C-alpha atoms as a PDB file:
ATOM      1  CA  MET A   1      17.923   0.672  21.953  1.00  0.00           C
ATOM      2  CA  ASN A   2      15.268   1.052  19.202  1.00  0.00           C
ATOM      3  CA  ASP A   3      14.609  -2.407  17.610  1.00  0.00           C
ATOM      4  CA  ASP A   4      12.688  -0.878  14.655  1.00  0.00           C
ATOM      5  CA  ARG A   5      14.785  -2.023  11.668  1.00  0.00           C
ATOM      6  CA  ARG A   6      12.873   0.031   9.031  1.00  0.00           C
ATOM      7  CA  LEU A   7      15.113   2.202   7.007  1.00  0.00           C
ATOM      8  CA  LYS A   8      12.321   4.431   5.614  1.00  0.00           C
ATOM      9  CA  PRO A   9       9.993   6.402   7.828  1.00  0.00           C
ATOM     10  CA  ARG A  10       6.360   5.275   7.960  1.00  0.00           C
ATOM     11  CA  TYR A  11       3.488   7.720   8.251  1.00  0.00           C
ATOM     12  CA  ALA A  12       0.042   7.056   9.697  1.00  0.00           C
ATOM     13  CA  VAL A  13      -2.231   7.354   6.682  1.00  0.00           C
ATOM     14  CA  ALA A  14      -5.875   6.038   6.482  1.00  0.00           C
ATOM     15  CA  VAL A  15      -6.905   6.062   2.877  1.00  0.00           C
ATOM     16  CA  PRO A  16      -8.639   3.534   0.569  1.00  0.00           C
ATOM     17  CA  ILE A  17      -6.627   0.727  -0.952  1.00  0.00           C
ATOM     18  CA  ASP A  18      -7.805  -1.739  -3.559  1.00  0.00           C
ATOM     19  CA  VAL A  19      -5.926  -5.064  -3.589  1.00  0.00           C
ATOM     20  CA  GLU A  20      -6.806  -7.056  -6.724  1.00  0.00           C
ATOM     21  CA  GLY A  21     -10.409  -5.795  -6.679  1.00  0.00           C
ATOM     22  CA  VAL A  22     -10.904  -5.940  -2.847  1.00  0.00           C
ATOM     23  CA  ARG A  23     -11.353  -2.692  -0.964  1.00  0.00           C
ATOM     24  CA  GLY A  24      -9.462  -2.136   2.272  1.00  0.00           C
ATOM     25  CA  VAL A  25      -7.921   0.791   4.268  1.00  0.00           C
ATOM     26  CA  THR A  26      -4.319   1.717   4.875  1.00  0.00           C
ATOM     27  CA  ARG A  27      -2.954   2.126   8.409  1.00  0.00           C
ATOM     28  CA  ASN A  28       0.509   3.402   7.553  1.00  0.00           C
ATOM     29  CA  LEU A  29       2.618   3.921   4.523  1.00  0.00           C
ATOM     30  CA  SER A  30       6.229   4.375   3.495  1.00  0.00           C
ATOM     31  CA  ILE A  31       8.092   4.664   0.175  1.00  0.00           C
ATOM     32  CA  ASN A  32       8.739   0.864   0.266  1.00  0.00           C
ATOM     33  CA  GLY A  33       5.890  -0.690   2.233  1.00  0.00           C
ATOM     34  CA  VAL A  34       2.292  -0.370   3.408  1.00  0.00           C
ATOM     35  CA  ILE A  35       0.178  -1.798   6.287  1.00  0.00           C
ATOM     36  CA  PHE A  36      -3.558  -2.203   5.558  1.00  0.00           C
ATOM     37  CA  ALA A  37      -6.703  -3.923   6.746  1.00  0.00           C
ATOM     38  CA  ILE A  38      -8.548  -5.996   4.284  1.00  0.00           C
ATOM     39  CA  PRO A  39     -11.466  -8.563   4.412  1.00  0.00           C
ATOM     40  CA  VAL A  40      -9.624 -11.399   2.668  1.00  0.00           C
ATOM     41  CA  SER A  41      -6.733 -13.616   3.498  1.00  0.00           C
ATOM     42  CA  LEU A  42      -3.616 -13.329   1.261  1.00  0.00           C
ATOM     43  CA  GLU A  43      -0.749 -15.833   1.201  1.00  0.00           C
ATOM     44  CA  VAL A  44       2.512 -14.553   2.581  1.00  0.00           C
ATOM     45  CA  GLY A  45       5.014 -14.254  -0.301  1.00  0.00           C
ATOM     46  CA  ARG A  46       2.337 -13.755  -2.906  1.00  0.00           C
ATOM     47  CA  GLU A  47       2.910 -11.064  -5.453  1.00  0.00           C
ATOM     48  CA  ILE A  48       0.066  -8.516  -5.577  1.00  0.00           C
ATOM     49  CA  ARG A  49      -1.021  -5.476  -7.462  1.00  0.00           C
ATOM     50  CA  PHE A  50      -2.837  -2.747  -5.535  1.00  0.00           C
ATOM     51  CA  SER A  51      -3.854   0.906  -5.823  1.00  0.00           C
ATOM     52  CA  ILE A  52      -3.743   3.439  -2.964  1.00  0.00           C
ATOM     53  CA  TYR A  53      -6.080   6.455  -3.325  1.00  0.00           C
ATOM     54  CA  MET A  54      -4.443   9.627  -1.839  1.00  0.00           C
ATOM     55  CA  ARG A  55      -7.061  12.322  -1.243  1.00  0.00           C
ATOM     56  CA  ALA A  56      -4.671  15.283  -1.328  1.00  0.00           C
ATOM     57  CA  GLY A  57      -3.830  16.075  -4.949  1.00  0.00           C
ATOM     58  CA  ASN A  58      -6.204  13.528  -6.419  1.00  0.00           C
ATOM     59  CA  CYS A  59      -3.357  11.025  -6.616  1.00  0.00           C
ATOM     60  CA  ARG A  60      -3.472   7.293  -7.175  1.00  0.00           C
ATOM     61  CA  LEU A  61      -0.546   5.064  -6.579  1.00  0.00           C
ATOM     62  CA  ASP A  62      -0.640   1.875  -8.663  1.00  0.00           C
ATOM     63  CA  CYS A  63       1.689  -0.534  -6.950  1.00  0.00           C
ATOM     64  CA  ARG A  64       3.182  -3.971  -7.225  1.00  0.00           C
ATOM     65  CA  GLY A  65       4.711  -5.792  -4.265  1.00  0.00           C
ATOM     66  CA  ARG A  66       4.582  -8.873  -2.033  1.00  0.00           C
ATOM     67  CA  VAL A  67       2.655  -9.824   1.017  1.00  0.00           C
ATOM     68  CA  ILE A  68       5.160  -9.681   3.895  1.00  0.00           C
ATOM     69  CA  ARG A  69       2.891 -10.638   6.750  1.00  0.00           C
ATOM     70  CA  GLN A  70      -0.747 -11.166   7.632  1.00  0.00           C
ATOM     71  CA  ARG A  71      -2.748 -11.849  10.779  1.00  0.00           C
ATOM     72  CA  PRO A  72      -6.460 -11.973  11.561  1.00  0.00           C
ATOM     73  CA  MET A  73      -8.086  -9.128  13.468  1.00  0.00           C
ATOM     74  CA  VAL A  74     -11.149  -9.323  15.693  1.00  0.00           C
ATOM     75  CA  ASP A  75     -13.368  -7.420  13.174  1.00  0.00           C
ATOM     76  CA  ASN A  76     -13.030 -10.170  10.532  1.00  0.00           C
ATOM     77  CA  ASN A  77     -10.423  -8.232   8.573  1.00  0.00           C
ATOM     78  CA  TYR A  78      -6.747  -9.117   8.176  1.00  0.00           C
ATOM     79  CA  ASP A  79      -3.941  -6.855   9.269  1.00  0.00           C
ATOM     80  CA  THR A  80      -1.589  -7.070   6.190  1.00  0.00           C
ATOM     81  CA  GLY A  81       1.853  -5.820   5.506  1.00  0.00           C
ATOM     82  CA  ALA A  82       3.131  -5.590   1.918  1.00  0.00           C
ATOM     83  CA  SER A  83       6.289  -4.372   0.209  1.00  0.00           C
ATOM     84  CA  ILE A  84       6.027  -1.714  -2.479  1.00  0.00           C
ATOM     85  CA  ASP A  85       8.483  -2.946  -5.063  1.00  0.00           C
ATOM     86  CA  ARG A  86       7.274  -0.700  -7.863  1.00  0.00           C
ATOM     87  CA  PHE A  87       4.710   2.074  -8.182  1.00  0.00           C
ATOM     88  CA  GLU A  88       3.323   4.584 -10.536  1.00  0.00           C
ATOM     89  CA  MET A  89       1.797   7.934  -9.377  1.00  0.00           C
ATOM     90  CA  HIS A  90      -1.226   9.057 -11.448  1.00  0.00           C
ATOM     91  CA  PHE A  91      -2.450  12.702 -10.935  1.00  0.00           C
ATOM     92  CA  GLU A  92      -6.041  13.627 -11.965  1.00  0.00           C
ATOM     93  CA  GLY A  93      -7.347  17.153 -12.465  1.00  0.00           C
ATOM     94  CA  SER A  94      -3.905  18.679 -11.866  1.00  0.00           C
ATOM     95  CA  PRO A  95      -1.289  20.458 -14.033  1.00  0.00           C
ATOM     96  CA  LEU A  96       0.894  17.456 -13.203  1.00  0.00           C
ATOM     97  CA  ARG A  97      -1.172  14.984 -15.261  1.00  0.00           C
ATOM     98  CA  GLY A  98       0.545  11.809 -16.186  1.00  0.00           C
ATOM     99  CA  ALA A  99       2.482   9.216 -14.272  1.00  0.00           C
ATOM    100  CA  PHE A 100       5.692   8.950 -12.371  1.00  0.00           C
ATOM    101  CA  ALA A 101       7.225   5.505 -11.927  1.00  0.00           C
ATOM    102  CA  LEU A 102       9.707   4.308  -9.362  1.00  0.00           C
ATOM    103  CA  GLY A 103      11.151   0.886  -8.810  1.00  0.00           C
ATOM    104  CA  SER A 104      12.850  -1.884 -10.624  1.00  0.00           C
ATOM    105  CA  GLY A 105      11.459  -4.236 -13.228  1.00  0.00           C
END
């Protein structure tokens, strides 16, 4: 039996992420969560704002969520899981200029 309780598929994606001004890199991403490595400790349960920079399509996701888990890694970074409760997609240099928002509140 598969014990993975995630309802949304996750995709291995390594792209830059800025969490309240601190740069990290994503490890995987889904519509409602992200795992990333960052050089600072964040309190579990804390609401955070972050931006994920997708290379394809010059897209930036501006997100709001909560820190779900965090653990230290051997390279002085922290393996961090966060929910994505709300996001806006911003397209640059594309005919799809503007923003698309998803989420509540």
